[in-house]
Amino acid sequence: MSTSDFINLAYIVASILFVFGIKMLGSAQTARRGNLLSSVGMLLAIVVTLLASDFTLRLYHCWFGFLDPLSGCWPPKWSE
């Protein structure tokens, strides 16, 4: 199984978990399980996306994306 096949399979599993989790939110009896199921599906999709790309570069952008509004340093001085 190649890396591309694994990524596609993980996306399919994540989407199935997410859709079934959202469907389970319709009933009060299954809402907790549905919320957990859809959260796991979304987490799986995010992790696969980060691991399939240049993770360190994306982590760097995400980290400074969160810090920029707090520090008031947008746009960064080094990009000018």
N, C-alpha and C. Protein backbone atom coordinates (compact mmCIF):
# COMPACT_ATOMS: atom_id res chain seq x y z
N MET A 1 0.85 -1.17 0.00
CA MET A 1 0.00 0.00 0.00
C MET A 1 0.90 1.24 0.00
N SER A 2 0.71 2.09 -0.97
CA SER A 2 1.55 3.29 -1.07
C SER A 2 1.05 4.38 -0.12
N THR A 3 1.86 5.40 0.01
CA THR A 3 1.51 6.52 0.88
C THR A 3 0.25 7.22 0.40
N SER A 4 0.12 7.37 -0.89
CA SER A 4 -1.05 8.02 -1.46
C SER A 4 -2.33 7.23 -1.16
N ASP A 5 -2.24 5.91 -1.25
CA ASP A 5 -3.39 5.07 -0.92
C ASP A 5 -3.77 5.20 0.55
N PHE A 6 -2.76 5.24 1.42
CA PHE A 6 -3.01 5.38 2.84
C PHE A 6 -3.68 6.73 3.14
N ILE A 7 -3.22 7.79 2.52
CA ILE A 7 -3.79 9.13 2.73
C ILE A 7 -5.25 9.15 2.27
N ASN A 8 -5.51 8.60 1.09
CA ASN A 8 -6.88 8.58 0.59
C ASN A 8 -7.80 7.73 1.47
N LEU A 9 -7.31 6.60 1.94
CA LEU A 9 -8.10 5.75 2.83
C LEU A 9 -8.39 6.48 4.15
N ALA A 10 -7.41 7.18 4.66
CA ALA A 10 -7.61 7.93 5.91
C ALA A 10 -8.64 9.03 5.72
N TYR A 11 -8.61 9.71 4.58
CA TYR A 11 -9.62 10.74 4.30
C TYR A 11 -11.03 10.14 4.19
N ILE A 12 -11.13 8.98 3.58
CA ILE A 12 -12.44 8.33 3.46
C ILE A 12 -12.96 7.93 4.84
N VAL A 13 -12.10 7.35 5.67
CA VAL A 13 -12.50 6.98 7.03
C VAL A 13 -12.89 8.22 7.82
N ALA A 14 -12.12 9.29 7.70
CA ALA A 14 -12.42 10.53 8.42
C ALA A 14 -13.75 11.11 7.98
N SER A 15 -14.02 11.09 6.69
CA SER A 15 -15.29 11.65 6.22
C SER A 15 -16.48 10.80 6.66
N ILE A 16 -16.31 9.48 6.68
CA ILE A 16 -17.39 8.60 7.15
C ILE A 16 -17.66 8.84 8.63
N LEU A 17 -16.61 8.93 9.42
CA LEU A 17 -16.78 9.21 10.84
C LEU A 17 -17.47 10.55 11.06
N PHE A 18 -17.06 11.55 10.31
CA PHE A 18 -17.63 12.88 10.46
C PHE A 18 -19.11 12.90 10.09
N VAL A 19 -19.46 12.30 8.97
CA VAL A 19 -20.86 12.31 8.53
C VAL A 19 -21.74 11.52 9.49
N PHE A 20 -21.30 10.34 9.91
CA PHE A 20 -22.10 9.57 10.86
C PHE A 20 -22.21 10.28 12.21
N GLY A 21 -21.13 10.96 12.62
CA GLY A 21 -21.19 11.72 13.86
C GLY A 21 -22.18 12.86 13.79
N ILE A 22 -22.21 13.57 12.67
CA ILE A 22 -23.18 14.66 12.49
C ILE A 22 -24.60 14.10 12.47
N LYS A 23 -24.78 12.95 11.83
CA LYS A 23 -26.11 12.34 11.77
C LYS A 23 -26.59 11.95 13.17
N MET A 24 -25.68 11.51 14.03
CA MET A 24 -26.06 11.10 15.37
C MET A 24 -26.41 12.28 16.27
N LEU A 25 -26.08 13.49 15.87
CA LEU A 25 -26.41 14.66 16.67
C LEU A 25 -27.91 14.96 16.67
N GLY A 26 -28.65 14.33 15.79
CA GLY A 26 -30.09 14.59 15.68
C GLY A 26 -30.90 14.07 16.84
N SER A 27 -30.37 13.15 17.61
CA SER A 27 -31.10 12.57 18.74
C SER A 27 -30.37 12.91 20.03
N ALA A 28 -31.12 13.23 21.06
CA ALA A 28 -30.51 13.57 22.36
C ALA A 28 -29.80 12.36 22.97
N GLN A 29 -30.26 11.18 22.65
CA GLN A 29 -29.68 9.97 23.23
C GLN A 29 -28.30 9.66 22.63
N THR A 30 -28.08 10.02 21.38
CA THR A 30 -26.83 9.69 20.71
C THR A 30 -25.96 10.92 20.45
N ALA A 31 -26.33 12.07 20.99
CA ALA A 31 -25.62 13.30 20.67
C ALA A 31 -24.18 13.29 21.19
N ARG A 32 -23.96 12.76 22.38
CA ARG A 32 -22.59 12.73 22.91
C ARG A 32 -21.70 11.84 22.05
N ARG A 33 -22.19 10.67 21.72
CA ARG A 33 -21.41 9.76 20.88
C ARG A 33 -21.19 10.36 19.49
N GLY A 34 -22.20 11.05 18.97
CA GLY A 34 -22.06 11.68 17.66
C GLY A 34 -21.05 12.80 17.67
N ASN A 35 -21.04 13.57 18.74
CA ASN A 35 -20.07 14.65 18.85
C ASN A 35 -18.65 14.09 18.92
N LEU A 36 -18.47 13.02 19.68
CA LEU A 36 -17.16 12.38 19.79
C LEU A 36 -16.74 11.79 18.45
N LEU A 37 -17.66 11.14 17.77
CA LEU A 37 -17.35 10.50 16.49
C LEU A 37 -16.96 11.53 15.43
N SER A 38 -17.71 12.61 15.35
CA SER A 38 -17.37 13.63 14.35
C SER A 38 -16.08 14.34 14.72
N SER A 39 -15.80 14.52 16.00
CA SER A 39 -14.55 15.14 16.42
C SER A 39 -13.35 14.26 16.07
N VAL A 40 -13.48 12.96 16.26
CA VAL A 40 -12.40 12.04 15.90
C VAL A 40 -12.17 12.05 14.39
N GLY A 41 -13.26 12.09 13.63
CA GLY A 41 -13.11 12.15 12.18
C GLY A 41 -12.42 13.42 11.71
N MET A 42 -12.77 14.55 12.30
CA MET A 42 -12.12 15.79 11.91
C MET A 42 -10.67 15.82 12.36
N LEU A 43 -10.39 15.30 13.55
CA LEU A 43 -9.01 15.24 14.02
C LEU A 43 -8.16 14.35 13.11
N LEU A 44 -8.72 13.23 12.69
CA LEU A 44 -8.00 12.35 11.76
C LEU A 44 -7.69 13.07 10.45
N ALA A 45 -8.66 13.81 9.93
CA ALA A 45 -8.43 14.54 8.68
C ALA A 45 -7.35 15.60 8.85
N ILE A 46 -7.36 16.29 9.97
CA ILE A 46 -6.35 17.34 10.19
C ILE A 46 -4.96 16.73 10.34
N VAL A 47 -4.86 15.65 11.10
CA VAL A 47 -3.55 15.01 11.30
C VAL A 47 -3.01 14.47 9.99
N VAL A 48 -3.84 13.83 9.20
CA VAL A 48 -3.39 13.30 7.91
C VAL A 48 -2.95 14.43 6.98
N THR A 49 -3.69 15.53 6.98
CA THR A 49 -3.33 16.66 6.14
C THR A 49 -1.99 17.24 6.55
N LEU A 50 -1.76 17.38 7.85
CA LEU A 50 -0.49 17.92 8.32
C LEU A 50 0.67 16.97 8.04
N LEU A 51 0.45 15.69 8.21
CA LEU A 51 1.52 14.74 7.97
C LEU A 51 1.79 14.53 6.49
N ALA A 52 0.81 14.75 5.64
CA ALA A 52 1.00 14.56 4.21
C ALA A 52 1.73 15.72 3.56
N SER A 53 1.80 16.84 4.24
CA SER A 53 2.47 18.01 3.67
C SER A 53 3.73 18.30 4.47
N ASP A 54 4.34 19.42 4.20
CA ASP A 54 5.52 19.83 4.94
C ASP A 54 5.07 20.30 6.32
N PHE A 55 5.13 19.38 7.27
CA PHE A 55 4.55 19.62 8.60
C PHE A 55 5.22 20.78 9.33
N THR A 56 6.54 20.87 9.28
CA THR A 56 7.22 21.92 10.04
C THR A 56 6.88 23.30 9.49
N LEU A 57 6.77 23.42 8.17
CA LEU A 57 6.42 24.70 7.59
C LEU A 57 5.00 25.08 7.98
N ARG A 58 4.08 24.15 7.91
CA ARG A 58 2.70 24.45 8.29
C ARG A 58 2.58 24.76 9.77
N LEU A 59 3.31 24.03 10.61
CA LEU A 59 3.29 24.30 12.04
C LEU A 59 3.82 25.70 12.33
N TYR A 60 4.86 26.09 11.63
CA TYR A 60 5.42 27.43 11.78
C TYR A 60 4.39 28.49 11.42
N HIS A 61 3.69 28.32 10.30
CA HIS A 61 2.68 29.29 9.89
C HIS A 61 1.49 29.31 10.85
N CYS A 62 1.07 28.15 11.32
CA CYS A 62 -0.05 28.11 12.26
C CYS A 62 0.32 28.79 13.57
N TRP A 63 1.53 28.53 14.05
CA TRP A 63 1.95 29.11 15.32
C TRP A 63 1.99 30.63 15.22
N PHE A 64 2.61 31.16 14.19
CA PHE A 64 2.69 32.61 14.07
C PHE A 64 1.37 33.21 13.62
N GLY A 65 0.51 32.39 13.02
CA GLY A 65 -0.83 32.87 12.70
C GLY A 65 -1.64 33.13 13.94
N PHE A 66 -1.40 32.33 15.00
CA PHE A 66 -2.09 32.56 16.27
C PHE A 66 -1.47 33.71 17.04
N LEU A 67 -0.17 33.90 16.89
CA LEU A 67 0.50 34.95 17.66
C LEU A 67 0.33 36.33 17.05
N ASP A 68 0.16 36.41 15.75
CA ASP A 68 0.10 37.71 15.09
C ASP A 68 -0.99 38.62 15.64
N PRO A 69 -2.23 38.16 15.79
CA PRO A 69 -3.24 39.07 16.33
C PRO A 69 -2.93 39.50 17.76
N LEU A 70 -2.25 38.65 18.51
CA LEU A 70 -1.95 38.98 19.89
C LEU A 70 -0.81 39.98 20.00
N SER A 71 0.17 39.88 19.13
CA SER A 71 1.35 40.73 19.25
C SER A 71 1.27 41.98 18.40
N GLY A 72 0.34 42.04 17.48
CA GLY A 72 0.22 43.21 16.62
C GLY A 72 1.35 43.33 15.61
N CYS A 73 1.92 42.23 15.20
CA CYS A 73 3.06 42.28 14.29
C CYS A 73 2.69 41.85 12.87
N TRP A 74 1.51 42.21 12.40
CA TRP A 74 1.12 41.86 11.05
C TRP A 74 1.20 43.10 10.19
N PRO A 75 1.81 43.11 9.07
CA PRO A 75 2.62 42.04 8.49
C PRO A 75 3.98 41.97 9.16
N PRO A 76 4.60 40.81 9.15
CA PRO A 76 5.90 40.68 9.79
C PRO A 76 6.93 41.55 9.10
N LYS A 77 7.87 42.05 9.85
CA LYS A 77 8.89 42.96 9.31
C LYS A 77 9.79 42.27 8.29
N TRP A 78 10.04 40.96 8.47
CA TRP A 78 10.95 40.26 7.57
C TRP A 78 10.36 40.01 6.19
N SER A 79 9.06 40.25 6.00
CA SER A 79 8.46 39.99 4.70
C SER A 79 8.45 41.22 3.80
N GLU A 80 8.90 42.33 4.31
CA GLU A 80 8.89 43.56 3.51
C GLU A 80 10.04 43.64 2.55
